[in-house]
Amino acid sequence: MNTNFRIERKTEVLKRIPFSKATLHRKINDGTFPPSIPLGANSVGFLSHEVDMTILAMATGQDLRETVSDLLVQRQSLLENTFYQSAA
């Protein structure tokens, strides 16, 4: 399993999508964009592959809530698998 993830800062994500900061936060809150991950006290990032999949879902007319829900399940699964592999 590839565990090399690219993290994009919010400013990078906003360059890739046609949203304002307010719209990005609204979409995160309503479940149509993957939530950020904390990077420090005052910074967040987004997993690049999740942003890619969300953009693809937008372009192909897929249900964004379903896409984001699937991505979050995958995120949790990756975390659990990585944790269990580290413990072994």
PDB file of N, CA and C in Angstrom:
ATOM      1  N   MET A   1       0.830  -1.178   0.000  1.00  0.00           N
ATOM      2  CA  MET A   1       0.000   0.000   0.000  1.00  0.00           C
ATOM      3  C   MET A   1       0.876   1.244   0.000  1.00  0.00           C
ATOM      4  N   ASN A   2       0.522   2.176  -0.827  1.00  0.00           N
ATOM      5  CA  ASN A   2       1.262   3.434  -0.902  1.00  0.00           C
ATOM      6  C   ASN A   2       0.807   4.340   0.228  1.00  0.00           C
ATOM      7  N   THR A   3       1.721   4.710   1.114  1.00  0.00           N
ATOM      8  CA  THR A   3       1.377   5.601   2.216  1.00  0.00           C
ATOM      9  C   THR A   3       2.081   6.947   2.070  1.00  0.00           C
ATOM     10  N   ASN A   4       2.459   7.297   0.865  1.00  0.00           N
ATOM     11  CA  ASN A   4       3.047   8.610   0.595  1.00  0.00           C
ATOM     12  C   ASN A   4       1.934   9.535   0.141  1.00  0.00           C
ATOM     13  N   PHE A   5       1.513  10.404   1.046  1.00  0.00           N
ATOM     14  CA  PHE A   5       0.413  11.297   0.752  1.00  0.00           C
ATOM     15  C   PHE A   5       0.926  12.706   0.573  1.00  0.00           C
ATOM     16  N   ARG A   6       0.301  13.420  -0.328  1.00  0.00           N
ATOM     17  CA  ARG A   6       0.633  14.825  -0.529  1.00  0.00           C
ATOM     18  C   ARG A   6      -0.429  15.650   0.182  1.00  0.00           C
ATOM     19  N   ILE A   7       0.024  16.604   0.968  1.00  0.00           N
ATOM     20  CA  ILE A   7      -0.885  17.500   1.679  1.00  0.00           C
ATOM     21  C   ILE A   7      -0.811  18.870   1.025  1.00  0.00           C
ATOM     22  N   GLU A   8      -1.987  19.418   0.721  1.00  0.00           N
ATOM     23  CA  GLU A   8      -2.069  20.749   0.128  1.00  0.00           C
ATOM     24  C   GLU A   8      -2.607  21.723   1.163  1.00  0.00           C
ATOM     25  N   ARG A   9      -1.979  22.864   1.239  1.00  0.00           N
ATOM     26  CA  ARG A   9      -2.486  23.919   2.118  1.00  0.00           C
ATOM     27  C   ARG A   9      -3.759  24.499   1.500  1.00  0.00           C
ATOM     28  N   LYS A  10      -4.531  25.170   2.324  1.00  0.00           N
ATOM     29  CA  LYS A  10      -5.813  25.713   1.871  1.00  0.00           C
ATOM     30  C   LYS A  10      -5.644  26.643   0.669  1.00  0.00           C
ATOM     31  N   THR A  11      -4.588  27.446   0.664  1.00  0.00           N
ATOM     32  CA  THR A  11      -4.383  28.368  -0.458  1.00  0.00           C
ATOM     33  C   THR A  11      -4.160  27.611  -1.763  1.00  0.00           C
ATOM     34  N   GLU A  12      -3.466  26.469  -1.699  1.00  0.00           N
ATOM     35  CA  GLU A  12      -3.266  25.656  -2.907  1.00  0.00           C
ATOM     36  C   GLU A  12      -4.583  25.068  -3.392  1.00  0.00           C
ATOM     37  N   VAL A  13      -5.390  24.607  -2.456  1.00  0.00           N
ATOM     38  CA  VAL A  13      -6.689  24.023  -2.818  1.00  0.00           C
ATOM     39  C   VAL A  13      -7.574  25.086  -3.459  1.00  0.00           C
ATOM     40  N   LEU A  14      -7.584  26.275  -2.893  1.00  0.00           N
ATOM     41  CA  LEU A  14      -8.429  27.346  -3.432  1.00  0.00           C
ATOM     42  C   LEU A  14      -8.006  27.769  -4.836  1.00  0.00           C
ATOM     43  N   LYS A  15      -6.759  27.530  -5.199  1.00  0.00           N
ATOM     44  CA  LYS A  15      -6.318  27.807  -6.569  1.00  0.00           C
ATOM     45  C   LYS A  15      -6.851  26.758  -7.548  1.00  0.00           C
ATOM     46  N   ARG A  16      -7.148  25.564  -7.044  1.00  0.00           N
ATOM     47  CA  ARG A  16      -7.599  24.464  -7.894  1.00  0.00           C
ATOM     48  C   ARG A  16      -9.104  24.398  -8.063  1.00  0.00           C
ATOM     49  N   ILE A  17      -9.835  25.003  -7.148  1.00  0.00           N
ATOM     50  CA  ILE A  17     -11.290  24.922  -7.199  1.00  0.00           C
ATOM     51  C   ILE A  17     -11.876  26.325  -7.297  1.00  0.00           C
ATOM     52  N   PRO A  18     -13.041  26.460  -7.900  1.00  0.00           N
ATOM     53  CA  PRO A  18     -13.617  27.802  -8.103  1.00  0.00           C
ATOM     54  C   PRO A  18     -14.448  28.281  -6.914  1.00  0.00           C
ATOM     55  N   PHE A  19     -13.913  28.149  -5.695  1.00  0.00           N
ATOM     56  CA  PHE A  19     -14.654  28.527  -4.502  1.00  0.00           C
ATOM     57  C   PHE A  19     -13.922  29.626  -3.749  1.00  0.00           C
ATOM     58  N   SER A  20     -14.692  30.426  -3.033  1.00  0.00           N
ATOM     59  CA  SER A  20     -14.117  31.347  -2.056  1.00  0.00           C
ATOM     60  C   SER A  20     -13.855  30.551  -0.770  1.00  0.00           C
ATOM     61  N   LYS A  21     -13.149  31.159   0.160  1.00  0.00           N
ATOM     62  CA  LYS A  21     -12.919  30.493   1.455  1.00  0.00           C
ATOM     63  C   LYS A  21     -14.245  30.165   2.131  1.00  0.00           C
ATOM     64  N   ALA A  22     -15.168  31.107   2.088  1.00  0.00           N
ATOM     65  CA  ALA A  22     -16.469  30.898   2.739  1.00  0.00           C
ATOM     66  C   ALA A  22     -17.219  29.729   2.112  1.00  0.00           C
ATOM     67  N   THR A  23     -17.197  29.652   0.783  1.00  0.00           N
ATOM     68  CA  THR A  23     -17.872  28.558   0.105  1.00  0.00           C
ATOM     69  C   THR A  23     -17.195  27.231   0.405  1.00  0.00           C
ATOM     70  N   LEU A  24     -15.873  27.215   0.463  1.00  0.00           N
ATOM     71  CA  LEU A  24     -15.152  25.990   0.817  1.00  0.00           C
ATOM     72  C   LEU A  24     -15.599  25.507   2.195  1.00  0.00           C
ATOM     73  N   HIS A  25     -15.641  26.397   3.161  1.00  0.00           N
ATOM     74  CA  HIS A  25     -16.062  26.015   4.510  1.00  0.00           C
ATOM     75  C   HIS A  25     -17.515  25.560   4.543  1.00  0.00           C
ATOM     76  N   ARG A  26     -18.366  26.214   3.785  1.00  0.00           N
ATOM     77  CA  ARG A  26     -19.763  25.809   3.711  1.00  0.00           C
ATOM     78  C   ARG A  26     -19.878  24.395   3.134  1.00  0.00           C
ATOM     79  N   LYS A  27     -19.105  24.113   2.083  1.00  0.00           N
ATOM     80  CA  LYS A  27     -19.139  22.781   1.469  1.00  0.00           C
ATOM     81  C   LYS A  27     -18.588  21.712   2.421  1.00  0.00           C
ATOM     82  N   ILE A  28     -17.547  22.046   3.176  1.00  0.00           N
ATOM     83  CA  ILE A  28     -17.029  21.109   4.179  1.00  0.00           C
ATOM     84  C   ILE A  28     -18.114  20.825   5.212  1.00  0.00           C
ATOM     85  N   ASN A  29     -18.768  21.883   5.697  1.00  0.00           N
ATOM     86  CA  ASN A  29     -19.796  21.723   6.728  1.00  0.00           C
ATOM     87  C   ASN A  29     -21.017  20.957   6.251  1.00  0.00           C
ATOM     88  N   ASP A  30     -21.344  21.069   4.957  1.00  0.00           N
ATOM     89  CA  ASP A  30     -22.512  20.323   4.474  1.00  0.00           C
ATOM     90  C   ASP A  30     -22.147  18.965   3.870  1.00  0.00           C
ATOM     91  N   GLY A  31     -20.873  18.588   3.986  1.00  0.00           N
ATOM     92  CA  GLY A  31     -20.464  17.246   3.575  1.00  0.00           C
ATOM     93  C   GLY A  31     -20.221  17.072   2.099  1.00  0.00           C
ATOM     94  N   THR A  32     -20.035  18.167   1.358  1.00  0.00           N
ATOM     95  CA  THR A  32     -19.791  18.047  -0.079  1.00  0.00           C
ATOM     96  C   THR A  32     -18.347  18.361  -0.463  1.00  0.00           C
ATOM     97  N   PHE A  33     -17.479  18.470   0.536  1.00  0.00           N
ATOM     98  CA  PHE A  33     -16.039  18.603   0.300  1.00  0.00           C
ATOM     99  C   PHE A  33     -15.336  17.973   1.490  1.00  0.00           C
ATOM    100  N   PRO A  34     -14.256  17.222   1.260  1.00  0.00           N
ATOM    101  CA  PRO A  34     -13.592  16.552   2.371  1.00  0.00           C
ATOM    102  C   PRO A  34     -13.022  17.541   3.387  1.00  0.00           C
ATOM    103  N   PRO A  35     -13.162  17.233   4.663  1.00  0.00           N
ATOM    104  CA  PRO A  35     -12.637  18.136   5.686  1.00  0.00           C
ATOM    105  C   PRO A  35     -11.117  18.181   5.683  1.00  0.00           C
ATOM    106  N   SER A  36     -10.612  19.275   6.200  1.00  0.00           N
ATOM    107  CA  SER A  36      -9.166  19.451   6.306  1.00  0.00           C
ATOM    108  C   SER A  36      -8.618  18.595   7.443  1.00  0.00           C
ATOM    109  N   ILE A  37      -7.296  18.501   7.460  1.00  0.00           N
ATOM    110  CA  ILE A  37      -6.615  17.837   8.566  1.00  0.00           C
ATOM    111  C   ILE A  37      -5.752  18.883   9.264  1.00  0.00           C
ATOM    112  N   PRO A  38      -5.662  18.821  10.583  1.00  0.00           N
ATOM    113  CA  PRO A  38      -4.854  19.805  11.293  1.00  0.00           C
ATOM    114  C   PRO A  38      -3.363  19.573  11.063  1.00  0.00           C
ATOM    115  N   LEU A  39      -2.639  20.656  10.831  1.00  0.00           N
ATOM    116  CA  LEU A  39      -1.192  20.578  10.638  1.00  0.00           C
ATOM    117  C   LEU A  39      -0.436  21.234  11.781  1.00  0.00           C
ATOM    118  N   GLY A  40      -1.109  22.049  12.514  1.00  0.00           N
ATOM    119  CA  GLY A  40      -0.490  22.768  13.618  1.00  0.00           C
ATOM    120  C   GLY A  40      -1.536  23.634  14.286  1.00  0.00           C
ATOM    121  N   ALA A  41      -1.074  24.491  15.165  1.00  0.00           N
ATOM    122  CA  ALA A  41      -2.000  25.327  15.932  1.00  0.00           C
ATOM    123  C   ALA A  41      -2.888  26.199  15.039  1.00  0.00           C
ATOM    124  N   ASN A  42      -2.327  26.736  13.966  1.00  0.00           N
ATOM    125  CA  ASN A  42      -3.089  27.653  13.118  1.00  0.00           C
ATOM    126  C   ASN A  42      -3.051  27.281  11.643  1.00  0.00           C
ATOM    127  N   SER A  43      -2.859  26.015  11.353  1.00  0.00           N
ATOM    128  CA  SER A  43      -2.795  25.644   9.942  1.00  0.00           C
ATOM    129  C   SER A  43      -3.482  24.302   9.698  1.00  0.00           C
ATOM    130  N   VAL A  44      -4.053  24.203   8.519  1.00  0.00           N
ATOM    131  CA  VAL A  44      -4.714  22.971   8.099  1.00  0.00           C
ATOM    132  C   VAL A  44      -4.248  22.631   6.686  1.00  0.00           C
ATOM    133  N   GLY A  45      -4.482  21.413   6.305  1.00  0.00           N
ATOM    134  CA  GLY A  45      -4.174  20.964   4.955  1.00  0.00           C
ATOM    135  C   GLY A  45      -5.237  19.997   4.477  1.00  0.00           C
ATOM    136  N   PHE A  46      -5.153  19.675   3.220  1.00  0.00           N
ATOM    137  CA  PHE A  46      -6.095  18.748   2.602  1.00  0.00           C
ATOM    138  C   PHE A  46      -5.295  17.652   1.916  1.00  0.00           C
ATOM    139  N   LEU A  47      -5.785  16.426   1.992  1.00  0.00           N
ATOM    140  CA  LEU A  47      -5.129  15.331   1.282  1.00  0.00           C
ATOM    141  C   LEU A  47      -5.392  15.518  -0.216  1.00  0.00           C
ATOM    142  N   SER A  48      -4.335  15.607  -0.968  1.00  0.00           N
ATOM    143  CA  SER A  48      -4.424  15.925  -2.395  1.00  0.00           C
ATOM    144  C   SER A  48      -5.293  14.928  -3.153  1.00  0.00           C
ATOM    145  N   HIS A  49      -5.165  13.652  -2.841  1.00  0.00           N
ATOM    146  CA  HIS A  49      -5.950  12.654  -3.582  1.00  0.00           C
ATOM    147  C   HIS A  49      -7.446  12.818  -3.286  1.00  0.00           C
ATOM    148  N   GLU A  50      -7.797  13.299  -2.094  1.00  0.00           N
ATOM    149  CA  GLU A  50      -9.210  13.540  -1.790  1.00  0.00           C
ATOM    150  C   GLU A  50      -9.734  14.739  -2.576  1.00  0.00           C
ATOM    151  N   VAL A  51      -8.927  15.763  -2.703  1.00  0.00           N
ATOM    152  CA  VAL A  51      -9.311  16.927  -3.517  1.00  0.00           C
ATOM    153  C   VAL A  51      -9.476  16.491  -4.973  1.00  0.00           C
ATOM    154  N   ASP A  52      -8.531  15.683  -5.471  1.00  0.00           N
ATOM    155  CA  ASP A  52      -8.611  15.185  -6.854  1.00  0.00           C
ATOM    156  C   ASP A  52      -9.913  14.420  -7.091  1.00  0.00           C
ATOM    157  N   MET A  53     -10.247  13.528  -6.157  1.00  0.00           N
ATOM    158  CA  MET A  53     -11.458  12.711  -6.322  1.00  0.00           C
ATOM    159  C   MET A  53     -12.722  13.568  -6.246  1.00  0.00           C
ATOM    160  N   THR A  54     -12.699  14.600  -5.420  1.00  0.00           N
ATOM    161  CA  THR A  54     -13.856  15.491  -5.314  1.00  0.00           C
ATOM    162  C   THR A  54     -14.035  16.298  -6.597  1.00  0.00           C
ATOM    163  N   ILE A  55     -12.935  16.781  -7.158  1.00  0.00           N
ATOM    164  CA  ILE A  55     -13.003  17.505  -8.430  1.00  0.00           C
ATOM    165  C   ILE A  55     -13.526  16.578  -9.528  1.00  0.00           C
ATOM    166  N   LEU A  56     -13.047  15.351  -9.554  1.00  0.00           N
ATOM    167  CA  LEU A  56     -13.526  14.380 -10.544  1.00  0.00           C
ATOM    168  C   LEU A  56     -15.021  14.109 -10.364  1.00  0.00           C
ATOM    169  N   ALA A  57     -15.460  13.984  -9.130  1.00  0.00           N
ATOM    170  CA  ALA A  57     -16.885  13.760  -8.871  1.00  0.00           C
ATOM    171  C   ALA A  57     -17.716  14.948  -9.342  1.00  0.00           C
ATOM    172  N   MET A  58     -17.217  16.163  -9.126  1.00  0.00           N
ATOM    173  CA  MET A  58     -17.922  17.358  -9.615  1.00  0.00           C
ATOM    174  C   MET A  58     -18.020  17.331 -11.133  1.00  0.00           C
ATOM    175  N   ALA A  59     -16.913  16.997 -11.780  1.00  0.00           N
ATOM    176  CA  ALA A  59     -16.858  17.014 -13.248  1.00  0.00           C
ATOM    177  C   ALA A  59     -17.748  15.958 -13.876  1.00  0.00           C
ATOM    178  N   THR A  60     -17.960  14.862 -13.168  1.00  0.00           N
ATOM    179  CA  THR A  60     -18.747  13.763 -13.741  1.00  0.00           C
ATOM    180  C   THR A  60     -20.158  13.686 -13.174  1.00  0.00           C
ATOM    181  N   GLY A  61     -20.539  14.664 -12.366  1.00  0.00           N
ATOM    182  CA  GLY A  61     -21.913  14.723 -11.864  1.00  0.00           C
ATOM    183  C   GLY A  61     -22.249  13.705 -10.803  1.00  0.00           C
ATOM    184  N   GLN A  62     -21.259  13.207 -10.109  1.00  0.00           N
ATOM    185  CA  GLN A  62     -21.519  12.233  -9.043  1.00  0.00           C
ATOM    186  C   GLN A  62     -22.048  12.943  -7.806  1.00  0.00           C
ATOM    187  N   ASP A  63     -22.697  12.187  -6.953  1.00  0.00           N
ATOM    188  CA  ASP A  63     -23.205  12.720  -5.695  1.00  0.00           C
ATOM    189  C   ASP A  63     -22.025  13.068  -4.788  1.00  0.00           C
ATOM    190  N   LEU A  64     -21.873  14.339  -4.458  1.00  0.00           N
ATOM    191  CA  LEU A  64     -20.702  14.781  -3.696  1.00  0.00           C
ATOM    192  C   LEU A  64     -20.737  14.303  -2.251  1.00  0.00           C
ATOM    193  N   ARG A  65     -21.907  14.244  -1.648  1.00  0.00           N
ATOM    194  CA  ARG A  65     -21.978  13.745  -0.266  1.00  0.00           C
ATOM    195  C   ARG A  65     -21.542  12.287  -0.196  1.00  0.00           C
ATOM    196  N   GLU A  66     -21.965  11.515  -1.161  1.00  0.00           N
ATOM    197  CA  GLU A  66     -21.583  10.102  -1.208  1.00  0.00           C
ATOM    198  C   GLU A  66     -20.079   9.957  -1.452  1.00  0.00           C
ATOM    199  N   THR A  67     -19.553  10.759  -2.365  1.00  0.00           N
ATOM    200  CA  THR A  67     -18.119  10.731  -2.657  1.00  0.00           C
ATOM    201  C   THR A  67     -17.308  11.073  -1.416  1.00  0.00           C
ATOM    202  N   VAL A  68     -17.683  12.153  -0.731  1.00  0.00           N
ATOM    203  CA  VAL A  68     -16.954  12.574   0.465  1.00  0.00           C
ATOM    204  C   VAL A  68     -17.089  11.527   1.566  1.00  0.00           C
ATOM    205  N   SER A  69     -18.265  10.974   1.717  1.00  0.00           N
ATOM    206  CA  SER A  69     -18.464   9.920   2.712  1.00  0.00           C
ATOM    207  C   SER A  69     -17.547   8.729   2.441  1.00  0.00           C
ATOM    208  N   ASP A  70     -17.463   8.318   1.179  1.00  0.00           N
ATOM    209  CA  ASP A  70     -16.567   7.213   0.795  1.00  0.00           C
ATOM    210  C   ASP A  70     -15.108   7.572   1.077  1.00  0.00           C
ATOM    211  N   LEU A  71     -14.726   8.808   0.785  1.00  0.00           N
ATOM    212  CA  LEU A  71     -13.348   9.238   1.032  1.00  0.00           C
ATOM    213  C   LEU A  71     -13.016   9.201   2.518  1.00  0.00           C
ATOM    214  N   LEU A  72     -13.961   9.587   3.359  1.00  0.00           N
ATOM    215  CA  LEU A  72     -13.712   9.581   4.799  1.00  0.00           C
ATOM    216  C   LEU A  72     -13.610   8.160   5.346  1.00  0.00           C
ATOM    217  N   VAL A  73     -14.381   7.245   4.781  1.00  0.00           N
ATOM    218  CA  VAL A  73     -14.253   5.831   5.163  1.00  0.00           C
ATOM    219  C   VAL A  73     -12.874   5.321   4.756  1.00  0.00           C
ATOM    220  N   GLN A  74     -12.430   5.673   3.561  1.00  0.00           N
ATOM    221  CA  GLN A  74     -11.097   5.272   3.106  1.00  0.00           C
ATOM    222  C   GLN A  74     -10.014   5.882   3.979  1.00  0.00           C
ATOM    223  N   ARG A  75     -10.192   7.143   4.387  1.00  0.00           N
ATOM    224  CA  ARG A  75      -9.216   7.811   5.242  1.00  0.00           C
ATOM    225  C   ARG A  75      -9.082   7.057   6.572  1.00  0.00           C
ATOM    226  N   GLN A  76     -10.209   6.701   7.157  1.00  0.00           N
ATOM    227  CA  GLN A  76     -10.182   5.973   8.426  1.00  0.00           C
ATOM    228  C   GLN A  76      -9.544   4.596   8.249  1.00  0.00           C
ATOM    229  N   SER A  77      -9.859   3.934   7.154  1.00  0.00           N
ATOM    230  CA  SER A  77      -9.287   2.624   6.868  1.00  0.00           C
ATOM    231  C   SER A  77      -7.773   2.709   6.696  1.00  0.00           C
ATOM    232  N   LEU A  78      -7.309   3.729   5.988  1.00  0.00           N
ATOM    233  CA  LEU A  78      -5.870   3.925   5.815  1.00  0.00           C
ATOM    234  C   LEU A  78      -5.183   4.154   7.153  1.00  0.00           C
ATOM    235  N   LEU A  79      -5.817   4.931   8.010  1.00  0.00           N
ATOM    236  CA  LEU A  79      -5.268   5.196   9.332  1.00  0.00           C
ATOM    237  C   LEU A  79      -5.163   3.902  10.134  1.00  0.00           C
ATOM    238  N   GLU A  80      -6.225   3.129  10.125  1.00  0.00           N
ATOM    239  CA  GLU A  80      -6.223   1.879  10.883  1.00  0.00           C
ATOM    240  C   GLU A  80      -5.202   0.900  10.326  1.00  0.00           C
ATOM    241  N   ASN A  81      -5.147   0.767   9.011  1.00  0.00           N
ATOM    242  CA  ASN A  81      -4.192  -0.164   8.399  1.00  0.00           C
ATOM    243  C   ASN A  81      -2.759   0.256   8.668  1.00  0.00           C
ATOM    244  N   THR A  82      -2.487   1.546   8.582  1.00  0.00           N
ATOM    245  CA  THR A  82      -1.138   2.050   8.839  1.00  0.00           C
ATOM    246  C   THR A  82      -0.757   1.822  10.288  1.00  0.00           C
ATOM    247  N   PHE A  83      -1.707   2.060  11.194  1.00  0.00           N
ATOM    248  CA  PHE A  83      -1.457   1.854  12.623  1.00  0.00           C
ATOM    249  C   PHE A  83      -1.161   0.385  12.895  1.00  0.00           C
ATOM    250  N   TYR A  84      -1.969  -0.513  12.336  1.00  0.00           N
ATOM    251  CA  TYR A  84      -1.783  -1.938  12.588  1.00  0.00           C
ATOM    252  C   TYR A  84      -0.493  -2.451  11.979  1.00  0.00           C
ATOM    253  N   GLN A  85      -0.101  -1.911  10.818  1.00  0.00           N
ATOM    254  CA  GLN A  85       1.166  -2.332  10.214  1.00  0.00           C
ATOM    255  C   GLN A  85       2.343  -1.846  11.050  1.00  0.00           C
ATOM    256  N   SER A  86       2.224  -0.668  11.635  1.00  0.00           N
ATOM    257  CA  SER A  86       3.301  -0.129  12.472  1.00  0.00           C
ATOM    258  C   SER A  86       3.440  -0.936  13.752  1.00  0.00           C
ATOM    259  N   ALA A  87       2.325  -1.401  14.264  1.00  0.00           N
ATOM    260  CA  ALA A  87       2.348  -2.145  15.521  1.00  0.00           C
ATOM    261  C   ALA A  87       2.875  -3.567  15.338  1.00  0.00           C
ATOM    262  N   ALA A  88       2.789  -4.081  14.135  1.00  0.00           N
ATOM    263  CA  ALA A  88       3.209  -5.474  13.891  1.00  0.00           C
ATOM    264  C   ALA A  88       4.706  -5.627  13.832  1.00  0.00           C
TER     265      ALA A  88
END
